[in-house]
Amino acid sequence: MRTRPPVAPVVTLGLLALLAGCGTSSPAAGPRSAAGTAPAPAPSTPASTGATPAPEESSGAIPAGAGTATGVDLDGDGRPDTLWLADDGGRRLLGVRTSGHGGTSTTFTSASPISARASSARLVGGAAVVLLDTGRSAQLYAYVVRGRARRLVPVPGVDGRPYSFSFGFTDVGTGLACDGPEGDRVLYGEDARETGGSWTVTRTPVTVAADGSTARNGTPQTVVRSASGDDQRVAAARGRTCGDLPRSAVALEPES
């Protein structure tokens, strides 16, 4: 039975590190390549630690009993859109219902016993993204327009695997965060590491193409060295959302 995690603390701007994904060492999703040593998060998270995208669905309706939240304007019509999470006969669904262009959804799986959470953001460069937090990692999705269709799709890293952020369950990355105002946010992977009783926090900017075609890691930056375990910057490196989000902006998966 999945138990709902507590609402994550607000992440302070400016303390981030890297996680798993693309970059100079290992490109793309989830914590696979060495973070902190390579310029960026690693590629996809293994099924045992993160969410696994399944074949895309397309649905305009929000299932009864779904957990919903008012997210950012994903379709660009100037009005906020709805994020939702639901369990449909054992299929775990992540969906978006826009105010002007209908809805779309996709299925996902995760070995984590924690109920999933979803939040959204608009990044610098125009990418409209949804972050699916399954407790051990966060999968990166993009809301994209392909012809007349609008879809919610997993964003691949440079290695082709779905990009995800680790929350300390691998050797790369402990969180994620964003800097900047909505619509112009910069997404970061964060990493807090302890050595000999002191902590080092690093952050890696992640650039997402406007069309959701790829996520690339930038150059890792050191936020602080030789910090104590109770340093606010160490705590912030375990952030789980993009921006200072109120509870109403985070969709919670119904308990099963």
Protein backbone atom coordinates (compact mmCIF):
# COMPACT_ATOMS: atom_id res chain seq x y z
CA MET A 1 0.00 0.00 0.00
CA ARG A 2 1.37 3.35 -0.93
CA THR A 3 1.52 5.95 1.79
CA ARG A 4 1.41 9.60 0.97
CA PRO A 5 4.69 11.43 1.65
CA PRO A 6 4.72 14.68 3.57
CA VAL A 7 4.69 17.85 1.51
CA ALA A 8 8.27 18.68 0.58
CA PRO A 9 9.82 21.78 2.09
CA VAL A 10 10.16 24.84 -0.07
CA VAL A 11 13.52 24.94 -1.79
CA THR A 12 15.60 28.02 -1.30
CA LEU A 13 16.93 29.57 -4.45
CA GLY A 14 20.54 29.21 -5.18
CA LEU A 15 21.55 25.92 -3.65
CA LEU A 16 21.50 23.18 -5.99
CA ALA A 17 23.47 20.29 -7.01
CA LEU A 18 23.37 17.70 -9.49
CA LEU A 19 21.46 14.61 -9.84
CA ALA A 20 21.27 12.24 -12.58
CA GLY A 21 20.91 12.97 -16.13
CA CYS A 22 22.72 14.24 -19.09
CA GLY A 23 25.88 16.16 -19.24
CA THR A 24 29.44 15.70 -19.95
CA SER A 25 29.81 12.61 -17.95
CA SER A 26 26.65 10.77 -18.44
CA PRO A 27 23.88 12.51 -20.12
CA ALA A 28 20.39 12.38 -19.26
CA ALA A 29 17.91 11.04 -16.91
CA GLY A 30 18.03 9.71 -13.44
CA PRO A 31 21.14 9.16 -11.38
CA ARG A 32 23.29 6.95 -13.46
CA SER A 33 26.45 8.83 -14.16
CA ALA A 34 28.68 10.17 -11.51
CA ALA A 35 27.33 13.43 -10.33
CA GLY A 36 29.64 15.93 -8.92
CA THR A 37 32.38 14.42 -10.98
CA ALA A 38 30.69 14.66 -14.30
CA PRO A 39 29.12 17.86 -15.32
CA ALA A 40 25.64 16.75 -14.81
CA PRO A 41 22.98 14.41 -13.68
CA ALA A 42 22.85 10.99 -15.12
CA PRO A 43 20.47 9.32 -17.45
CA SER A 44 17.52 7.25 -16.64
CA THR A 45 16.77 6.00 -13.20
CA PRO A 46 16.47 2.25 -12.86
CA ALA A 47 12.99 0.85 -12.43
CA SER A 48 13.82 0.00 -8.85
CA THR A 49 14.29 3.64 -7.89
CA GLY A 50 12.26 5.76 -10.26
CA ALA A 51 9.17 6.00 -12.40
CA THR A 52 9.10 4.15 -15.70
CA PRO A 53 7.12 5.80 -18.50
CA ALA A 54 4.67 3.54 -20.29
CA PRO A 55 3.01 3.90 -23.69
CA GLU A 56 1.33 7.25 -24.04
CA GLU A 57 -2.37 7.61 -23.45
CA SER A 58 -4.66 10.34 -24.73
CA SER A 59 -7.61 11.36 -22.64
CA GLY A 60 -9.42 14.61 -22.07
CA ALA A 61 -11.32 13.45 -18.99
CA ILE A 62 -10.05 13.49 -15.42
CA PRO A 63 -10.90 10.14 -13.76
CA ALA A 64 -13.19 10.13 -10.75
CA GLY A 65 -11.21 10.20 -7.53
CA ALA A 66 -8.07 11.62 -9.13
CA GLY A 67 -5.78 13.86 -7.13
CA THR A 68 -5.74 17.27 -8.84
CA ALA A 69 -3.82 20.54 -8.59
CA THR A 70 -3.82 23.89 -10.32
CA GLY A 71 -0.58 24.03 -12.25
CA VAL A 72 1.05 26.66 -14.46
CA ASP A 73 -0.09 27.60 -17.97
CA LEU A 74 1.26 24.68 -19.99
CA ASP A 75 -0.53 25.25 -23.30
CA GLY A 76 0.29 28.94 -23.59
CA ASP A 77 -3.23 30.39 -23.55
CA GLY A 78 -2.59 32.52 -20.49
CA ARG A 79 -4.69 30.44 -18.12
CA PRO A 80 -3.53 27.90 -15.49
CA ASP A 81 -3.99 24.21 -16.28
CA THR A 82 -4.86 21.20 -14.14
CA LEU A 83 -2.47 18.41 -13.20
CA TRP A 84 -3.87 15.10 -12.05
CA LEU A 85 -2.82 11.66 -10.81
CA ALA A 86 -5.05 8.60 -10.68
CA ASP A 87 -5.07 4.82 -10.33
CA ASP A 88 -7.28 3.22 -12.97
CA GLY A 89 -7.62 -0.48 -12.18
CA GLY A 90 -3.96 -0.79 -11.31
CA ARG A 91 -2.72 1.55 -14.03
CA ARG A 92 -1.07 4.61 -12.56
CA LEU A 93 -1.86 7.70 -14.63
CA LEU A 94 -0.34 11.16 -14.88
CA GLY A 95 -2.44 13.69 -16.78
CA VAL A 96 -2.93 17.31 -17.75
CA ARG A 97 -6.25 19.02 -18.45
CA THR A 98 -5.74 22.38 -20.14
CA SER A 99 -8.21 25.22 -20.20
CA GLY A 100 -8.12 25.64 -23.96
CA HIS A 101 -6.79 22.48 -25.63
CA GLY A 102 -8.32 19.49 -23.90
CA GLY A 103 -6.31 16.92 -21.99
CA THR A 104 -3.73 14.20 -22.30
CA SER A 105 -2.37 11.52 -19.99
CA THR A 106 0.29 8.83 -19.77
CA THR A 107 0.78 5.74 -17.63
CA PHE A 108 3.80 5.12 -15.42
CA THR A 109 5.13 2.45 -13.08
CA SER A 110 7.35 2.71 -10.02
CA ALA A 111 8.75 0.26 -7.51
CA SER A 112 8.58 2.91 -4.81
CA PRO A 113 5.84 2.34 -2.18
CA ILE A 114 5.30 6.10 -1.93
CA SER A 115 2.33 7.82 -3.53
CA ALA A 116 3.43 10.01 -6.44
CA ARG A 117 3.28 13.82 -6.59
CA ALA A 118 3.26 16.05 -9.66
CA SER A 119 4.13 19.71 -10.18
CA SER A 120 4.67 21.87 -13.26
CA ALA A 121 6.78 24.80 -14.43
CA ARG A 122 7.65 26.90 -17.47
CA LEU A 123 11.39 27.12 -18.02
CA VAL A 124 13.63 29.65 -19.67
CA GLY A 125 13.63 28.88 -23.40
CA GLY A 126 9.94 27.99 -23.45
CA ALA A 127 9.80 24.40 -22.23
CA ALA A 128 6.60 23.51 -20.34
CA VAL A 129 7.49 20.68 -17.95
CA VAL A 130 5.87 18.38 -15.42
CA LEU A 131 7.90 16.72 -12.66
CA LEU A 132 6.62 13.37 -11.39
CA ASP A 133 7.98 12.66 -7.91
CA THR A 134 7.71 8.98 -6.98
CA GLY A 135 9.60 9.25 -3.70
CA ARG A 136 13.03 8.09 -4.81
CA SER A 137 13.35 10.17 -7.96
CA ALA A 138 11.49 12.63 -10.15
CA GLN A 139 10.79 11.90 -13.81
CA LEU A 140 10.94 14.87 -16.20
CA TYR A 141 8.04 15.23 -18.67
CA ALA A 142 7.30 17.92 -21.25
CA TYR A 143 3.93 19.16 -22.47
CA VAL A 144 4.50 19.42 -26.20
CA VAL A 145 2.62 20.24 -29.39
CA ARG A 146 3.07 17.80 -32.27
CA GLY A 147 0.96 18.76 -35.23
CA ARG A 148 -2.55 19.20 -33.89
CA ALA A 149 -1.86 16.90 -30.98
CA ARG A 150 -0.75 17.95 -27.54
CA ARG A 151 1.08 15.35 -25.53
CA LEU A 152 2.71 14.73 -22.17
CA VAL A 153 5.96 12.93 -22.96
CA PRO A 154 9.06 11.87 -21.00
CA VAL A 155 12.06 14.05 -21.87
CA PRO A 156 15.12 12.04 -22.92
CA GLY A 157 18.63 12.89 -21.84
CA VAL A 158 21.50 12.97 -24.27
CA ASP A 159 21.86 9.20 -23.89
CA GLY A 160 18.28 8.68 -25.06
CA ARG A 161 16.96 7.44 -21.71
CA PRO A 162 14.20 9.29 -19.82
CA TYR A 163 15.74 12.08 -17.75
CA SER A 164 15.13 11.94 -14.01
CA PHE A 165 16.40 13.45 -10.78
CA SER A 166 17.58 11.32 -7.87
CA PHE A 167 16.59 12.07 -4.28
CA GLY A 168 19.62 10.43 -2.70
CA PHE A 169 18.83 6.81 -3.59
CA THR A 170 21.74 6.52 -6.02
CA ASP A 171 25.30 7.80 -6.05
CA VAL A 172 24.26 10.86 -8.07
CA GLY A 173 21.99 13.66 -6.90
CA THR A 174 19.89 14.44 -3.85
CA GLY A 175 17.26 16.87 -5.16
CA LEU A 176 16.11 19.47 -7.66
CA ALA A 177 15.20 23.14 -7.63
CA CYS A 178 14.59 26.19 -9.80
CA ASP A 179 15.75 29.80 -9.88
CA GLY A 180 13.93 32.68 -11.51
CA PRO A 181 10.30 33.74 -12.02
CA GLU A 182 7.62 31.51 -13.51
CA GLY A 183 7.99 31.35 -17.28
CA ASP A 184 11.70 32.03 -17.01
CA ARG A 185 12.84 29.42 -14.52
CA VAL A 186 16.20 27.64 -14.62
CA LEU A 187 16.00 24.00 -13.55
CA TYR A 188 18.85 22.54 -11.49
CA GLY A 189 19.91 19.17 -10.23
CA GLU A 190 21.24 19.33 -6.66
CA ASP A 191 23.75 17.19 -4.80
CA ALA A 192 24.75 17.29 -1.11
CA ARG A 193 27.63 15.01 -0.12
CA GLU A 194 29.20 14.41 3.28
CA THR A 195 32.91 13.67 3.73
CA GLY A 196 34.65 13.51 7.07
CA GLY A 197 31.85 15.28 8.89
CA SER A 198 31.49 18.23 6.51
CA TRP A 199 29.21 18.74 3.54
CA THR A 200 29.70 19.96 -0.03
CA VAL A 201 26.73 21.14 -2.09
CA THR A 202 26.88 21.42 -5.87
CA ARG A 203 24.28 22.25 -8.48
CA THR A 204 24.00 21.55 -12.20
CA PRO A 205 21.77 23.57 -14.56
CA VAL A 206 19.59 21.43 -16.80
CA THR A 207 18.52 22.86 -20.15
CA VAL A 208 15.30 21.41 -21.60
CA ALA A 209 14.57 21.97 -25.30
CA ALA A 210 11.34 23.89 -25.93
CA ASP A 211 9.95 20.93 -27.89
CA GLY A 212 10.81 18.45 -25.13
CA SER A 213 13.26 16.62 -27.39
CA THR A 214 16.14 16.53 -24.90
CA ALA A 215 17.50 17.60 -21.53
CA ARG A 216 21.15 18.56 -21.24
CA ASN A 217 23.32 19.19 -18.22
CA GLY A 218 25.41 22.31 -17.91
CA THR A 219 28.58 22.80 -15.89
CA PRO A 220 28.32 21.87 -12.19
CA GLN A 221 28.74 24.74 -9.76
CA THR A 222 29.85 24.51 -6.12
CA VAL A 223 27.39 26.17 -3.76
CA VAL A 224 29.27 25.56 -0.49
CA ARG A 225 32.15 23.50 0.88
CA SER A 226 32.88 22.34 4.43
CA ALA A 227 29.35 23.08 5.61
CA SER A 228 27.74 21.61 8.71
CA GLY A 229 24.92 19.10 8.41
CA ASP A 230 22.38 21.65 9.67
CA ASP A 231 23.38 24.29 7.12
CA GLN A 232 20.31 25.57 5.28
CA ARG A 233 22.06 25.09 1.96
CA VAL A 234 22.53 21.40 2.68
CA ALA A 235 18.83 21.01 3.50
CA ALA A 236 17.84 22.95 0.37
CA ALA A 237 19.87 20.55 -1.78
CA ARG A 238 17.21 17.95 -0.99
CA GLY A 239 14.42 20.00 -2.60
CA ARG A 240 11.75 18.21 -4.62
CA THR A 241 9.83 20.90 -6.52
CA CYS A 242 10.52 23.55 -9.13
CA GLY A 243 9.72 26.87 -7.45
CA ASP A 244 8.05 27.88 -4.19
CA LEU A 245 4.83 25.95 -4.68
CA PRO A 246 1.75 26.07 -2.45
CA ARG A 247 0.10 22.79 -1.56
CA SER A 248 -2.66 23.52 -4.10
CA ALA A 249 -0.10 23.44 -6.95
CA VAL A 250 1.08 19.89 -6.24
CA ALA A 251 -1.12 16.97 -7.36
CA LEU A 252 -1.12 14.01 -4.96
CA GLU A 253 -1.77 10.46 -6.12
CA PRO A 254 -4.76 8.90 -4.31
CA GLU A 255 -3.78 6.25 -1.78
CA SER A 256 -4.58 2.71 -2.78
